[in-house]
């Protein structure tokens, strides 16, 4: 077994349906995106000498999460219309 895939992860994947797993992953990704965006705005409001460096570091995490958010919303909307 790979060290990145724990027994808990395997058990969860085997016992839950695709809909439950995709919803769980989507909710976690959206919540993480919201937390990072809020933290970035608080950091921007705080100011300081090294703020621009730290804000760029947040972009490294925020941009992929934003893309995944757009994919999640697109898929959910397409399923809703179908």
Protein backbone atom coordinates (compact mmCIF):
# COMPACT_ATOMS: atom_id res chain seq x y z
CA UNK A 1 0.00 0.00 0.00
CA UNK A 2 1.26 3.46 -0.81
CA UNK A 3 2.14 5.74 2.06
CA UNK A 4 -0.09 8.48 0.63
CA UNK A 5 -3.19 6.28 0.59
CA UNK A 6 -4.08 5.35 4.13
CA UNK A 7 -6.36 2.58 5.25
CA UNK A 8 -8.99 5.16 6.23
CA UNK A 9 -8.98 6.64 2.73
CA UNK A 10 -9.34 3.21 1.16
CA UNK A 11 -12.18 2.27 3.51
CA UNK A 12 -14.00 5.52 2.75
CA UNK A 13 -13.62 5.03 -0.99
CA UNK A 14 -14.95 1.48 -0.79
CA UNK A 15 -17.99 2.19 1.39
CA UNK A 16 -19.33 5.40 -0.15
CA UNK A 17 -20.87 6.05 -3.54
CA UNK A 18 -19.39 8.33 -6.17
CA UNK A 19 -21.99 11.02 -5.46
CA UNK A 20 -21.10 11.15 -1.76
CA UNK A 21 -17.37 11.23 -2.44
CA UNK A 22 -17.60 13.92 -5.10
CA UNK A 23 -19.83 16.06 -2.91
CA UNK A 24 -17.46 15.69 0.05
CA UNK A 25 -14.40 16.59 -2.01
CA UNK A 26 -16.26 19.52 -3.58
CA UNK A 27 -17.37 20.92 -0.24
CA UNK A 28 -13.86 20.60 1.20
CA UNK A 29 -12.33 22.34 -1.83
CA UNK A 30 -14.85 25.19 -1.69
CA UNK A 31 -14.40 25.68 2.07
CA UNK A 32 -10.62 25.68 1.70
CA UNK A 33 -10.91 28.25 -1.10
CA UNK A 34 -13.10 30.49 1.07
CA UNK A 35 -10.70 30.24 4.03
CA UNK A 36 -7.68 31.06 1.86
CA UNK A 37 -9.43 34.01 0.20
CA UNK A 38 -10.50 35.41 3.58
CA UNK A 39 -6.98 34.99 4.98
CA UNK A 40 -5.52 36.69 1.91
CA UNK A 41 -7.81 39.69 2.35
CA UNK A 42 -6.97 39.94 6.04
CA UNK A 43 -3.29 39.87 5.19
CA UNK A 44 -3.79 42.56 2.56
CA UNK A 45 -5.68 44.76 5.04
CA UNK A 46 -2.97 44.31 7.66
CA UNK A 47 -0.31 45.67 5.34
CA UNK A 48 3.38 45.55 5.99
CA UNK A 49 6.65 45.50 4.15
CA UNK A 50 6.50 41.92 2.81
CA UNK A 51 2.81 41.71 2.00
CA UNK A 52 3.22 41.36 -1.77
CA UNK A 53 5.47 38.30 -1.35
CA UNK A 54 2.97 36.64 0.96
CA UNK A 55 0.03 37.48 -1.29
CA UNK A 56 1.79 35.81 -4.23
CA UNK A 57 2.33 32.73 -2.08
CA UNK A 58 -1.43 32.54 -1.49
CA UNK A 59 -2.03 32.73 -5.24
CA UNK A 60 -0.14 29.45 -5.65
CA UNK A 61 -2.84 27.71 -3.60
CA UNK A 62 -5.82 29.82 -4.59
CA UNK A 63 -5.58 29.55 -8.38
CA UNK A 64 -5.83 25.73 -8.58
CA UNK A 65 -8.66 25.76 -6.03
CA UNK A 66 -10.46 28.40 -8.07
CA UNK A 67 -10.16 26.26 -11.20
CA UNK A 68 -11.49 23.24 -9.30
CA UNK A 69 -14.35 25.38 -7.95
CA UNK A 70 -15.30 26.37 -11.50
CA UNK A 71 -15.18 22.73 -12.60
CA UNK A 72 -17.34 21.65 -9.65
CA UNK A 73 -19.93 24.33 -10.35
CA UNK A 74 -19.96 23.53 -14.08
CA UNK A 75 -20.46 19.80 -13.50
CA UNK A 76 -23.16 20.35 -10.86
CA UNK A 77 -24.99 22.81 -13.11
CA UNK A 78 -24.77 20.42 -16.08
CA UNK A 79 -26.17 17.58 -13.96
CA UNK A 80 -28.94 19.86 -12.75
CA UNK A 81 -29.94 20.71 -16.31
CA UNK A 82 -29.72 17.14 -17.52
